[in-house]
Amino acid sequence: MEQFLTAKDVMKTWQIEKETLNRWIEGKLFPKPLTPKGKRRRWKPDVVQEWIAERESQIAMEERQLQIAHPPPLVTGSREHKEQKRKIKEFEARQQQASERLDAHRRKRPLNKHNHGQTD
């Protein structure tokens, strides 16, 4: 005879309450139970194991995506850290030059018919 997991088995394994299990099932976060001939809810162990494997795979994928989106900080003094600092300094220098050019442009008097761009 095939062995099935009961709701109590599932709740004990994951240390959850009945309400939580019900929410998981209703929200399709946990496999739908079998209810043979109106008996209590049961799950095939292989279905639950498959769910666990899928969930672990999903968690691992989410963790990889987080690492890509938010890479760990670079070790101070490493080649990568030095390269990153160099790029930041270059970017800041370009920003400063652009800001200075904009300020110089704003200080110039606008051209008009009388001064032809000449300043006093």
PDB file of N, CA and C in Angstrom:
ATOM      1  N   MET A   1       0.836  -1.182   0.000  1.00  0.00           N
ATOM      2  CA  MET A   1       0.000   0.000   0.000  1.00  0.00           C
ATOM      3  C   MET A   1       0.885   1.251   0.000  1.00  0.00           C
ATOM      4  N   GLU A   2       0.523   2.218  -0.825  1.00  0.00           N
ATOM      5  CA  GLU A   2       1.303   3.447  -0.963  1.00  0.00           C
ATOM      6  C   GLU A   2       1.147   4.326   0.274  1.00  0.00           C
ATOM      7  N   GLN A   3       2.257   4.872   0.733  1.00  0.00           N
ATOM      8  CA  GLN A   3       2.252   5.756   1.900  1.00  0.00           C
ATOM      9  C   GLN A   3       2.008   7.201   1.452  1.00  0.00           C
ATOM     10  N   PHE A   4       1.230   7.916   2.205  1.00  0.00           N
ATOM     11  CA  PHE A   4       0.937   9.315   1.927  1.00  0.00           C
ATOM     12  C   PHE A   4       1.332  10.165   3.123  1.00  0.00           C
ATOM     13  N   LEU A   5       1.615  11.441   2.849  1.00  0.00           N
ATOM     14  CA  LEU A   5       1.881  12.396   3.924  1.00  0.00           C
ATOM     15  C   LEU A   5       0.557  13.023   4.345  1.00  0.00           C
ATOM     16  N   THR A   6       0.372  13.179   5.625  1.00  0.00           N
ATOM     17  CA  THR A   6      -0.839  13.824   6.123  1.00  0.00           C
ATOM     18  C   THR A   6      -0.573  15.312   6.311  1.00  0.00           C
ATOM     19  N   ALA A   7      -1.649  16.056   6.562  1.00  0.00           N
ATOM     20  CA  ALA A   7      -1.499  17.486   6.848  1.00  0.00           C
ATOM     21  C   ALA A   7      -0.639  17.670   8.091  1.00  0.00           C
ATOM     22  N   LYS A   8      -0.809  16.790   9.088  1.00  0.00           N
ATOM     23  CA  LYS A   8       0.012  16.882  10.302  1.00  0.00           C
ATOM     24  C   LYS A   8       1.488  16.673   9.986  1.00  0.00           C
ATOM     25  N   ASP A   9       1.786  15.736   9.081  1.00  0.00           N
ATOM     26  CA  ASP A   9       3.178  15.504   8.676  1.00  0.00           C
ATOM     27  C   ASP A   9       3.770  16.763   8.050  1.00  0.00           C
ATOM     28  N   VAL A  10       2.990  17.361   7.141  1.00  0.00           N
ATOM     29  CA  VAL A  10       3.460  18.568   6.445  1.00  0.00           C
ATOM     30  C   VAL A  10       3.658  19.706   7.447  1.00  0.00           C
ATOM     31  N   MET A  11       2.692  19.918   8.334  1.00  0.00           N
ATOM     32  CA  MET A  11       2.787  21.009   9.314  1.00  0.00           C
ATOM     33  C   MET A  11       3.958  20.799  10.259  1.00  0.00           C
ATOM     34  N   LYS A  12       4.207  19.562  10.643  1.00  0.00           N
ATOM     35  CA  LYS A  12       5.328  19.272  11.547  1.00  0.00           C
ATOM     36  C   LYS A  12       6.663  19.482  10.840  1.00  0.00           C
ATOM     37  N   THR A  13       6.752  19.032   9.601  1.00  0.00           N
ATOM     38  CA  THR A  13       7.998  19.156   8.834  1.00  0.00           C
ATOM     39  C   THR A  13       8.399  20.616   8.660  1.00  0.00           C
ATOM     40  N   TRP A  14       7.423  21.473   8.285  1.00  0.00           N
ATOM     41  CA  TRP A  14       7.724  22.877   8.035  1.00  0.00           C
ATOM     42  C   TRP A  14       7.422  23.781   9.222  1.00  0.00           C
ATOM     43  N   GLN A  15       7.018  23.186  10.318  1.00  0.00           N
ATOM     44  CA  GLN A  15       6.715  23.932  11.549  1.00  0.00           C
ATOM     45  C   GLN A  15       5.765  25.093  11.257  1.00  0.00           C
ATOM     46  N   ILE A  16       4.630  24.745  10.648  1.00  0.00           N
ATOM     47  CA  ILE A  16       3.624  25.745  10.304  1.00  0.00           C
ATOM     48  C   ILE A  16       2.287  25.352  10.910  1.00  0.00           C
ATOM     49  N   GLU A  17       1.408  26.316  10.997  1.00  0.00           N
ATOM     50  CA  GLU A  17       0.062  26.083  11.499  1.00  0.00           C
ATOM     51  C   GLU A  17      -0.851  25.660  10.353  1.00  0.00           C
ATOM     52  N   LYS A  18      -2.006  25.143  10.715  1.00  0.00           N
ATOM     53  CA  LYS A  18      -2.983  24.691   9.731  1.00  0.00           C
ATOM     54  C   LYS A  18      -3.406  25.829   8.801  1.00  0.00           C
ATOM     55  N   GLU A  19      -3.576  27.021   9.374  1.00  0.00           N
ATOM     56  CA  GLU A  19      -3.985  28.182   8.574  1.00  0.00           C
ATOM     57  C   GLU A  19      -2.938  28.514   7.512  1.00  0.00           C
ATOM     58  N   THR A  20      -1.682  28.400   7.876  1.00  0.00           N
ATOM     59  CA  THR A  20      -0.602  28.677   6.926  1.00  0.00           C
ATOM     60  C   THR A  20      -0.624  27.662   5.791  1.00  0.00           C
ATOM     61  N   LEU A  21      -0.786  26.403   6.130  1.00  0.00           N
ATOM     62  CA  LEU A  21      -0.863  25.365   5.110  1.00  0.00           C
ATOM     63  C   LEU A  21      -2.037  25.637   4.176  1.00  0.00           C
ATOM     64  N   ASN A  22      -3.184  26.001   4.741  1.00  0.00           N
ATOM     65  CA  ASN A  22      -4.355  26.305   3.914  1.00  0.00           C
ATOM     66  C   ASN A  22      -4.084  27.478   2.972  1.00  0.00           C
ATOM     67  N   ARG A  23      -3.413  28.527   3.481  1.00  0.00           N
ATOM     68  CA  ARG A  23      -3.082  29.680   2.629  1.00  0.00           C
ATOM     69  C   ARG A  23      -2.142  29.272   1.506  1.00  0.00           C
ATOM     70  N   TRP A  24      -1.153  28.427   1.838  1.00  0.00           N
ATOM     71  CA  TRP A  24      -0.216  27.955   0.815  1.00  0.00           C
ATOM     72  C   TRP A  24      -0.959  27.207  -0.286  1.00  0.00           C
ATOM     73  N   ILE A  25      -1.887  26.339   0.101  1.00  0.00           N
ATOM     74  CA  ILE A  25      -2.629  25.542  -0.876  1.00  0.00           C
ATOM     75  C   ILE A  25      -3.529  26.454  -1.710  1.00  0.00           C
ATOM     76  N   GLU A  26      -4.256  27.343  -1.047  1.00  0.00           N
ATOM     77  CA  GLU A  26      -5.157  28.258  -1.755  1.00  0.00           C
ATOM     78  C   GLU A  26      -4.391  29.180  -2.693  1.00  0.00           C
ATOM     79  N   GLY A  27      -3.226  29.613  -2.280  1.00  0.00           N
ATOM     80  CA  GLY A  27      -2.396  30.498  -3.093  1.00  0.00           C
ATOM     81  C   GLY A  27      -1.538  29.759  -4.105  1.00  0.00           C
ATOM     82  N   LYS A  28      -1.731  28.469  -4.208  1.00  0.00           N
ATOM     83  CA  LYS A  28      -0.964  27.609  -5.123  1.00  0.00           C
ATOM     84  C   LYS A  28       0.526  27.678  -4.837  1.00  0.00           C
ATOM     85  N   LEU A  29       0.865  27.837  -3.565  1.00  0.00           N
ATOM     86  CA  LEU A  29       2.261  27.846  -3.138  1.00  0.00           C
ATOM     87  C   LEU A  29       2.714  26.466  -2.667  1.00  0.00           C
ATOM     88  N   PHE A  30       1.768  25.556  -2.561  1.00  0.00           N
ATOM     89  CA  PHE A  30       2.040  24.196  -2.119  1.00  0.00           C
ATOM     90  C   PHE A  30       1.160  23.270  -2.944  1.00  0.00           C
ATOM     91  N   PRO A  31       1.623  22.049  -3.233  1.00  0.00           N
ATOM     92  CA  PRO A  31       0.832  21.142  -4.062  1.00  0.00           C
ATOM     93  C   PRO A  31      -0.566  20.894  -3.490  1.00  0.00           C
ATOM     94  N   LYS A  32      -1.505  20.776  -4.388  1.00  0.00           N
ATOM     95  CA  LYS A  32      -2.881  20.483  -4.004  1.00  0.00           C
ATOM     96  C   LYS A  32      -2.943  19.064  -3.427  1.00  0.00           C
ATOM     97  N   PRO A  33      -3.654  18.899  -2.324  1.00  0.00           N
ATOM     98  CA  PRO A  33      -3.709  17.562  -1.711  1.00  0.00           C
ATOM     99  C   PRO A  33      -4.670  16.632  -2.459  1.00  0.00           C
ATOM    100  N   LEU A  34      -4.456  15.363  -2.238  1.00  0.00           N
ATOM    101  CA  LEU A  34      -5.398  14.360  -2.707  1.00  0.00           C
ATOM    102  C   LEU A  34      -6.404  14.121  -1.585  1.00  0.00           C
ATOM    103  N   THR A  35      -7.635  13.914  -1.942  1.00  0.00           N
ATOM    104  CA  THR A  35      -8.652  13.579  -0.928  1.00  0.00           C
ATOM    105  C   THR A  35      -9.401  12.343  -1.420  1.00  0.00           C
ATOM    106  N   PRO A  36      -8.763  11.177  -1.278  1.00  0.00           N
ATOM    107  CA  PRO A  36      -9.386   9.953  -1.789  1.00  0.00           C
ATOM    108  C   PRO A  36     -10.668   9.604  -1.035  1.00  0.00           C
ATOM    109  N   LYS A  37     -11.744   9.464  -1.774  1.00  0.00           N
ATOM    110  CA  LYS A  37     -13.043   9.053  -1.238  1.00  0.00           C
ATOM    111  C   LYS A  37     -13.461   9.863  -0.026  1.00  0.00           C
ATOM    112  N   GLY A  38     -13.269  11.182  -0.099  1.00  0.00           N
ATOM    113  CA  GLY A  38     -13.720  12.052   0.986  1.00  0.00           C
ATOM    114  C   GLY A  38     -12.905  11.964   2.260  1.00  0.00           C
ATOM    115  N   LYS A  39     -11.770  11.273   2.200  1.00  0.00           N
ATOM    116  CA  LYS A  39     -10.931  11.174   3.393  1.00  0.00           C
ATOM    117  C   LYS A  39     -10.132  12.460   3.573  1.00  0.00           C
ATOM    118  N   ARG A  40      -9.364  12.478   4.597  1.00  0.00           N
ATOM    119  CA  ARG A  40      -8.545  13.660   4.893  1.00  0.00           C
ATOM    120  C   ARG A  40      -7.515  13.905   3.802  1.00  0.00           C
ATOM    121  N   ARG A  41      -6.988  15.127   3.819  1.00  0.00           N
ATOM    122  CA  ARG A  41      -5.994  15.522   2.810  1.00  0.00           C
ATOM    123  C   ARG A  41      -4.725  14.699   2.944  1.00  0.00           C
ATOM    124  N   ARG A  42      -4.216  14.292   1.800  1.00  0.00           N
ATOM    125  CA  ARG A  42      -2.982  13.515   1.750  1.00  0.00           C
ATOM    126  C   ARG A  42      -2.148  13.996   0.572  1.00  0.00           C
ATOM    127  N   TRP A  43      -0.836  13.788   0.679  1.00  0.00           N
ATOM    128  CA  TRP A  43       0.084  14.143  -0.397  1.00  0.00           C
ATOM    129  C   TRP A  43       0.988  12.956  -0.684  1.00  0.00           C
ATOM    130  N   LYS A  44       1.281  12.750  -1.952  1.00  0.00           N
ATOM    131  CA  LYS A  44       2.262  11.737  -2.319  1.00  0.00           C
ATOM    132  C   LYS A  44       3.630  12.308  -1.985  1.00  0.00           C
ATOM    133  N   PRO A  45       4.468  11.533  -1.326  1.00  0.00           N
ATOM    134  CA  PRO A  45       5.802  12.040  -0.965  1.00  0.00           C
ATOM    135  C   PRO A  45       6.612  12.532  -2.154  1.00  0.00           C
ATOM    136  N   ASP A  46       6.521  11.850  -3.301  1.00  0.00           N
ATOM    137  CA  ASP A  46       7.306  12.276  -4.468  1.00  0.00           C
ATOM    138  C   ASP A  46       6.827  13.622  -5.000  1.00  0.00           C
ATOM    139  N   VAL A  47       5.520  13.935  -4.865  1.00  0.00           N
ATOM    140  CA  VAL A  47       4.997  15.230  -5.300  1.00  0.00           C
ATOM    141  C   VAL A  47       5.551  16.337  -4.396  1.00  0.00           C
ATOM    142  N   VAL A  48       5.597  16.066  -3.095  1.00  0.00           N
ATOM    143  CA  VAL A  48       6.136  17.051  -2.154  1.00  0.00           C
ATOM    144  C   VAL A  48       7.634  17.223  -2.372  1.00  0.00           C
ATOM    145  N   GLN A  49       8.357  16.123  -2.632  1.00  0.00           N
ATOM    146  CA  GLN A  49       9.796  16.218  -2.899  1.00  0.00           C
ATOM    147  C   GLN A  49      10.061  17.022  -4.171  1.00  0.00           C
ATOM    148  N   GLU A  50       9.227  16.837  -5.185  1.00  0.00           N
ATOM    149  CA  GLU A  50       9.359  17.610  -6.420  1.00  0.00           C
ATOM    150  C   GLU A  50       9.122  19.095  -6.146  1.00  0.00           C
ATOM    151  N   TRP A  51       8.124  19.399  -5.307  1.00  0.00           N
ATOM    152  CA  TRP A  51       7.837  20.791  -4.933  1.00  0.00           C
ATOM    153  C   TRP A  51       9.039  21.389  -4.209  1.00  0.00           C
ATOM    154  N   ILE A  52       9.636  20.622  -3.293  1.00  0.00           N
ATOM    155  CA  ILE A  52      10.808  21.100  -2.544  1.00  0.00           C
ATOM    156  C   ILE A  52      11.945  21.411  -3.521  1.00  0.00           C
ATOM    157  N   ALA A  53      12.200  20.511  -4.469  1.00  0.00           N
ATOM    158  CA  ALA A  53      13.287  20.719  -5.444  1.00  0.00           C
ATOM    159  C   ALA A  53      13.024  21.962  -6.284  1.00  0.00           C
ATOM    160  N   GLU A  54      11.786  22.152  -6.728  1.00  0.00           N
ATOM    161  CA  GLU A  54      11.444  23.340  -7.521  1.00  0.00           C
ATOM    162  C   GLU A  54      11.629  24.609  -6.701  1.00  0.00           C
ATOM    163  N   ARG A  55      11.197  24.565  -5.453  1.00  0.00           N
ATOM    164  CA  ARG A  55      11.312  25.735  -4.571  1.00  0.00           C
ATOM    165  C   ARG A  55      12.783  26.069  -4.317  1.00  0.00           C
ATOM    166  N   GLU A  56      13.611  25.052  -4.069  1.00  0.00           N
ATOM    167  CA  GLU A  56      15.042  25.287  -3.854  1.00  0.00           C
ATOM    168  C   GLU A  56      15.688  25.879  -5.101  1.00  0.00           C
ATOM    169  N   SER A  57      15.293  25.391  -6.267  1.00  0.00           N
ATOM    170  CA  SER A  57      15.818  25.917  -7.524  1.00  0.00           C
ATOM    171  C   SER A  57      15.408  27.377  -7.706  1.00  0.00           C
ATOM    172  N   GLN A  58      14.156  27.683  -7.388  1.00  0.00           N
ATOM    173  CA  GLN A  58      13.664  29.057  -7.506  1.00  0.00           C
ATOM    174  C   GLN A  58      14.412  29.986  -6.559  1.00  0.00           C
ATOM    175  N   ILE A  59      14.644  29.546  -5.329  1.00  0.00           N
ATOM    176  CA  ILE A  59      15.373  30.359  -4.347  1.00  0.00           C
ATOM    177  C   ILE A  59      16.801  30.600  -4.826  1.00  0.00           C
ATOM    178  N   ALA A  60      17.451  29.557  -5.349  1.00  0.00           N
ATOM    179  CA  ALA A  60      18.826  29.702  -5.843  1.00  0.00           C
ATOM    180  C   ALA A  60      18.878  30.698  -6.996  1.00  0.00           C
ATOM    181  N   MET A  61      17.888  30.641  -7.902  1.00  0.00           N
ATOM    182  CA  MET A  61      17.853  31.568  -9.027  1.00  0.00           C
ATOM    183  C   MET A  61      17.662  33.002  -8.530  1.00  0.00           C
ATOM    184  N   GLU A  62      16.774  33.198  -7.549  1.00  0.00           N
ATOM    185  CA  GLU A  62      16.549  34.532  -7.003  1.00  0.00           C
ATOM    186  C   GLU A  62      17.811  35.068  -6.334  1.00  0.00           C
ATOM    187  N   GLU A  63      18.533  34.199  -5.642  1.00  0.00           N
ATOM    188  CA  GLU A  63      19.780  34.619  -5.008  1.00  0.00           C
ATOM    189  C   GLU A  63      20.819  35.033  -6.050  1.00  0.00           C
ATOM    190  N   ARG A  64      20.909  34.275  -7.168  1.00  0.00           N
ATOM    191  CA  ARG A  64      21.847  34.642  -8.231  1.00  0.00           C
ATOM    192  C   ARG A  64      21.473  35.993  -8.832  1.00  0.00           C
ATOM    193  N   GLN A  65      20.181  36.225  -9.025  1.00  0.00           N
ATOM    194  CA  GLN A  65      19.736  37.502  -9.581  1.00  0.00           C
ATOM    195  C   GLN A  65      20.082  38.649  -8.634  1.00  0.00           C
ATOM    196  N   LEU A  66      19.950  38.430  -7.335  1.00  0.00           N
ATOM    197  CA  LEU A  66      20.308  39.467  -6.370  1.00  0.00           C
ATOM    198  C   LEU A  66      21.800  39.747  -6.400  1.00  0.00           C
ATOM    199  N   GLN A  67      22.602  38.711  -6.552  1.00  0.00           N
ATOM    200  CA  GLN A  67      24.048  38.908  -6.606  1.00  0.00           C
ATOM    201  C   GLN A  67      24.440  39.697  -7.838  1.00  0.00           C
ATOM    202  N   ILE A  68      23.735  39.477  -8.950  1.00  0.00           N
ATOM    203  CA  ILE A  68      24.031  40.231 -10.166  1.00  0.00           C
ATOM    204  C   ILE A  68      23.611  41.683  -9.990  1.00  0.00           C
ATOM    205  N   ALA A  69      22.427  41.895  -9.416  1.00  0.00           N
ATOM    206  CA  ALA A  69      21.916  43.249  -9.234  1.00  0.00           C
ATOM    207  C   ALA A  69      22.701  44.009  -8.169  1.00  0.00           C
ATOM    208  N   HIS A  70      23.158  43.314  -7.156  1.00  0.00           N
ATOM    209  CA  HIS A  70      23.888  43.942  -6.049  1.00  0.00           C
ATOM    210  C   HIS A  70      25.146  43.133  -5.765  1.00  0.00           C
ATOM    211  N   PRO A  71      26.189  43.331  -6.577  1.00  0.00           N
ATOM    212  CA  PRO A  71      27.404  42.543  -6.366  1.00  0.00           C
ATOM    213  C   PRO A  71      28.035  42.873  -5.021  1.00  0.00           C
ATOM    214  N   PRO A  72      28.739  41.915  -4.453  1.00  0.00           N
ATOM    215  CA  PRO A  72      29.386  42.169  -3.172  1.00  0.00           C
ATOM    216  C   PRO A  72      30.438  43.261  -3.323  1.00  0.00           C
ATOM    217  N   PRO A  73      30.715  43.988  -2.245  1.00  0.00           N
ATOM    218  CA  PRO A  73      31.719  45.055  -2.345  1.00  0.00           C
ATOM    219  C   PRO A  73      33.091  44.482  -2.686  1.00  0.00           C
ATOM    220  N   LEU A  74      33.859  45.279  -3.413  1.00  0.00           N
ATOM    221  CA  LEU A  74      35.193  44.844  -3.798  1.00  0.00           C
ATOM    222  C   LEU A  74      36.146  44.967  -2.619  1.00  0.00           C
ATOM    223  N   VAL A  75      37.113  44.087  -2.589  1.00  0.00           N
ATOM    224  CA  VAL A  75      38.115  44.107  -1.524  1.00  0.00           C
ATOM    225  C   VAL A  75      39.046  45.280  -1.768  1.00  0.00           C
ATOM    226  N   THR A  76      39.222  46.121  -0.752  1.00  0.00           N
ATOM    227  CA  THR A  76      40.093  47.286  -0.868  1.00  0.00           C
ATOM    228  C   THR A  76      41.498  46.824  -1.232  1.00  0.00           C
ATOM    229  N   GLY A  77      42.068  47.496  -2.219  1.00  0.00           N
ATOM    230  CA  GLY A  77      43.428  47.171  -2.641  1.00  0.00           C
ATOM    231  C   GLY A  77      43.486  46.152  -3.766  1.00  0.00           C
ATOM    232  N   SER A  78      42.360  45.483  -4.064  1.00  0.00           N
ATOM    233  CA  SER A  78      42.386  44.502  -5.151  1.00  0.00           C
ATOM    234  C   SER A  78      42.474  45.227  -6.491  1.00  0.00           C
ATOM    235  N   ARG A  79      42.860  44.512  -7.521  1.00  0.00           N
ATOM    236  CA  ARG A  79      42.970  45.092  -8.859  1.00  0.00           C
ATOM    237  C   ARG A  79      41.616  45.644  -9.310  1.00  0.00           C
ATOM    238  N   GLU A  80      40.536  44.886  -9.037  1.00  0.00           N
ATOM    239  CA  GLU A  80      39.199  45.337  -9.434  1.00  0.00           C
ATOM    240  C   GLU A  80      38.814  46.614  -8.703  1.00  0.00           C
ATOM    241  N   HIS A  81      39.172  46.695  -7.434  1.00  0.00           N
ATOM    242  CA  HIS A  81      38.854  47.882  -6.637  1.00  0.00           C
ATOM    243  C   HIS A  81      39.600  49.098  -7.174  1.00  0.00           C
ATOM    244  N   LYS A  82      40.868  48.914  -7.497  1.00  0.00           N
ATOM    245  CA  LYS A  82      41.669  50.013  -8.046  1.00  0.00           C
ATOM    246  C   LYS A  82      41.109  50.472  -9.388  1.00  0.00           C
ATOM    247  N   GLU A  83      40.701  49.519 -10.226  1.00  0.00           N
ATOM    248  CA  GLU A  83      40.116  49.866 -11.530  1.00  0.00           C
ATOM    249  C   GLU A  83      38.809  50.624 -11.346  1.00  0.00           C
ATOM    250  N   GLN A  84      37.997  50.179 -10.405  1.00  0.00           N
ATOM    251  CA  GLN A  84      36.735  50.867 -10.141  1.00  0.00           C
ATOM    252  C   GLN A  84      36.986  52.290  -9.648  1.00  0.00           C
ATOM    253  N   LYS A  85      37.945  52.464  -8.752  1.00  0.00           N
ATOM    254  CA  LYS A  85      38.276  53.801  -8.244  1.00  0.00           C
ATOM    255  C   LYS A  85      38.780  54.696  -9.374  1.00  0.00           C
ATOM    256  N   ARG A  86      39.611  54.134 -10.291  1.00  0.00           N
ATOM    257  CA  ARG A  86      40.126  54.904 -11.426  1.00  0.00           C
ATOM    258  C   ARG A  86      38.978  55.382 -12.320  1.00  0.00           C
ATOM    259  N   LYS A  87      38.028  54.486 -12.595  1.00  0.00           N
ATOM    260  CA  LYS A  87      36.889  54.854 -13.438  1.00  0.00           C
ATOM    261  C   LYS A  87      36.030  55.922 -12.766  1.00  0.00           C
ATOM    262  N   ILE A  88      35.866  55.824 -11.470  1.00  0.00           N
ATOM    263  CA  ILE A  88      35.082  56.830 -10.738  1.00  0.00           C
ATOM    264  C   ILE A  88      35.776  58.186 -10.821  1.00  0.00           C
ATOM    265  N   LYS A  89      37.104  58.202 -10.633  1.00  0.00           N
ATOM    266  CA  LYS A  89      37.850  59.461 -10.707  1.00  0.00           C
ATOM    267  C   LYS A  89      37.756  60.066 -12.107  1.00  0.00           C
ATOM    268  N   GLU A  90      37.873  59.239 -13.144  1.00  0.00           N
ATOM    269  CA  GLU A  90      37.744  59.739 -14.520  1.00  0.00           C
ATOM    270  C   GLU A  90      36.354  60.331 -14.746  1.00  0.00           C
ATOM    271  N   PHE A  91      35.345  59.635 -14.277  1.00  0.00           N
ATOM    272  CA  PHE A  91      33.975  60.123 -14.431  1.00  0.00           C
ATOM    273  C   PHE A  91      33.798  61.460 -13.712  1.00  0.00           C
ATOM    274  N   GLU A  92      34.301  61.555 -12.475  1.00  0.00           N
ATOM    275  CA  GLU A  92      34.182  62.799 -11.712  1.00  0.00           C
ATOM    276  C   GLU A  92      34.924  63.937 -12.406  1.00  0.00           C
ATOM    277  N   ALA A  93      36.095  63.646 -12.993  1.00  0.00           N
ATOM    278  CA  ALA A  93      36.855  64.679 -13.707  1.00  0.00           C
ATOM    279  C   ALA A  93      36.077  65.167 -14.927  1.00  0.00           C
ATOM    280  N   ARG A  94      35.468  64.231 -15.670  1.00  0.00           N
ATOM    281  CA  ARG A  94      34.655  64.629 -16.826  1.00  0.00           C
ATOM    282  C   ARG A  94      33.457  65.462 -16.385  1.00  0.00           C
ATOM    283  N   GLN A  95      32.850  65.088 -15.289  1.00  0.00           N
ATOM    284  CA  GLN A  95      31.711  65.850 -14.770  1.00  0.00           C
ATOM    285  C   GLN A  95      32.154  67.261 -14.382  1.00  0.00           C
ATOM    286  N   GLN A  96      33.315  67.375 -13.741  1.00  0.00           N
ATOM    287  CA  GLN A  96      33.841  68.679 -13.330  1.00  0.00           C
ATOM    288  C   GLN A  96      34.134  69.546 -14.550  1.00  0.00           C
ATOM    289  N   GLN A  97      34.760  68.971 -15.577  1.00  0.00           N
ATOM    290  CA  GLN A  97      35.058  69.723 -16.803  1.00  0.00           C
ATOM    291  C   GLN A  97      33.773  70.206 -17.470  1.00  0.00           C
ATOM    292  N   ALA A  98      32.775  69.337 -17.528  1.00  0.00           N
ATOM    293  CA  ALA A  98      31.503  69.721 -18.143  1.00  0.00           C
ATOM    294  C   ALA A  98      30.845  70.837 -17.340  1.00  0.00           C
ATOM    295  N   SER A  99      30.926  70.757 -16.038  1.00  0.00           N
ATOM    296  CA  SER A  99      30.350  71.785 -15.178  1.00  0.00           C
ATOM    297  C   SER A  99      31.066  73.120 -15.380  1.00  0.00           C
ATOM    298  N   GLU A 100      32.398  73.086 -15.490  1.00  0.00           N
ATOM    299  CA  GLU A 100      33.172  74.310 -15.708  1.00  0.00           C
ATOM    300  C   GLU A 100      32.844  74.936 -17.064  1.00  0.00           C
ATOM    301  N   ARG A 101      32.716  74.106 -18.096  1.00  0.00           N
ATOM    302  CA  ARG A 101      32.353  74.628 -19.418  1.00  0.00           C
ATOM    303  C   ARG A 101      30.969  75.269 -19.386  1.00  0.00           C
ATOM    304  N   LEU A 102      30.040  74.637 -18.680  1.00  0.00           N
ATOM    305  CA  LEU A 102      28.696  75.193 -18.581  1.00  0.00           C
ATOM    306  C   LEU A 102      28.710  76.522 -17.833  1.00  0.00           C
ATOM    307  N   ASP A 103      29.472  76.596 -16.752  1.00  0.00           N
ATOM    308  CA  ASP A 103      29.582  77.852 -16.000  1.00  0.00           C
ATOM    309  C   ASP A 103      30.189  78.951 -16.872  1.00  0.00           C
ATOM    310  N   ALA A 104      31.240  78.612 -17.624  1.00  0.00           N
ATOM    311  CA  ALA A 104      31.880  79.605 -18.499  1.00  0.00           C
ATOM    312  C   ALA A 104      30.896  80.075 -19.566  1.00  0.00           C
ATOM    313  N   HIS A 105      30.133  79.184 -20.101  1.00  0.00           N
ATOM    314  CA  HIS A 105      29.142  79.539 -21.104  1.00  0.00           C
ATOM    315  C   HIS A 105      28.081  80.467 -20.514  1.00  0.00           C
ATOM    316  N   ARG A 106      27.671  80.191 -19.302  1.00  0.00           N
ATOM    317  CA  ARG A 106      26.635  81.022 -18.664  1.00  0.00           C
ATOM    318  C   ARG A 106      27.156  82.422 -18.347  1.00  0.00           C
ATOM    319  N   ARG A 107      28.470  82.542 -18.074  1.00  0.00           N
ATOM    320  CA  ARG A 107      29.044  83.847 -17.743  1.00  0.00           C
ATOM    321  C   ARG A 107      29.162  84.756 -18.959  1.00  0.00           C
ATOM    322  N   LYS A 108      29.259  84.158 -20.128  1.00  0.00           N
ATOM    323  CA  LYS A 108      29.373  84.973 -21.342  1.00  0.00           C
ATOM    324  C   LYS A 108      28.078  85.752 -21.530  1.00  0.00           C
ATOM    325  N   ARG A 109      28.273  86.965 -22.004  1.00  0.00           N
ATOM    326  CA  ARG A 109      27.090  87.774 -22.312  1.00  0.00           C
ATOM    327  C   ARG A 109      26.490  87.272 -23.601  1.00  0.00           C
ATOM    328  N   PRO A 110      25.188  87.280 -23.708  1.00  0.00           N
ATOM    329  CA  PRO A 110      24.571  86.814 -24.949  1.00  0.00           C
ATOM    330  C   PRO A 110      24.894  87.759 -26.101  1.00  0.00           C
ATOM    331  N   LEU A 111      24.970  87.200 -27.274  1.00  0.00           N
ATOM    332  CA  LEU A 111      25.213  88.010 -28.479  1.00  0.00           C
ATOM    333  C   LEU A 111      24.005  88.895 -28.746  1.00  0.00           C
ATOM    334  N   ASN A 112      24.302  90.121 -29.125  1.00  0.00           N
ATOM    335  CA  ASN A 112      23.225  90.992 -29.607  1.00  0.00           C
ATOM    336  C   ASN A 112      23.807  91.878 -30.709  1.00  0.00           C
ATOM    337  N   LYS A 113      22.981  92.714 -31.267  1.00  0.00           N
ATOM    338  CA  LYS A 113      23.410  93.537 -32.401  1.00  0.00           C
ATOM    339  C   LYS A 113      24.535  94.499 -32.036  1.00  0.00           C
ATOM    340  N   HIS A 114      24.607  94.925 -30.798  1.00  0.00           N
ATOM    341  CA  HIS A 114      25.521  96.007 -30.420  1.00  0.00           C
ATOM    342  C   HIS A 114      26.907  95.547 -29.998  1.00  0.00           C
ATOM    343  N   ASN A 115      27.014  94.397 -29.268  1.00  0.00           N
ATOM    344  CA  ASN A 115      28.360  94.062 -28.772  1.00  0.00           C
ATOM    345  C   ASN A 115      29.024  92.937 -29.553  1.00  0.00           C
ATOM    346  N   HIS A 116      28.333  92.219 -30.413  1.00  0.00           N
ATOM    347  CA  HIS A 116      28.893  91.143 -31.231  1.00  0.00           C
ATOM    348  C   HIS A 116      29.664  90.128 -30.413  1.00  0.00           C
ATOM    349  N   GLY A 117      29.179  89.883 -29.188  1.00  0.00           N
ATOM    350  CA  GLY A 117      29.809  88.899 -28.337  1.00  0.00           C
ATOM    351  C   GLY A 117      30.979  89.385 -27.547  1.00  0.00           C
ATOM    352  N   GLN A 118      31.348  90.661 -27.684  1.00  0.00           N
ATOM    353  CA  GLN A 118      32.487  91.194 -26.961  1.00  0.00           C
ATOM    354  C   GLN A 118      32.055  91.558 -25.547  1.00  0.00           C
ATOM    355  N   THR A 119      32.949  91.323 -24.601  1.00  0.00           N
ATOM    356  CA  THR A 119      32.663  91.683 -23.213  1.00  0.00           C
ATOM    357  C   THR A 119      33.355  92.975 -22.865  1.00  0.00           C
ATOM    358  N   ASP A 120      32.905  93.596 -21.795  1.00  0.00           N
ATOM    359  CA  ASP A 120      33.493  94.870 -21.360  1.00  0.00           C
ATOM    360  C   ASP A 120      34.802  94.672 -20.676  1.00  0.00           C
TER     361      ASP A 120
END
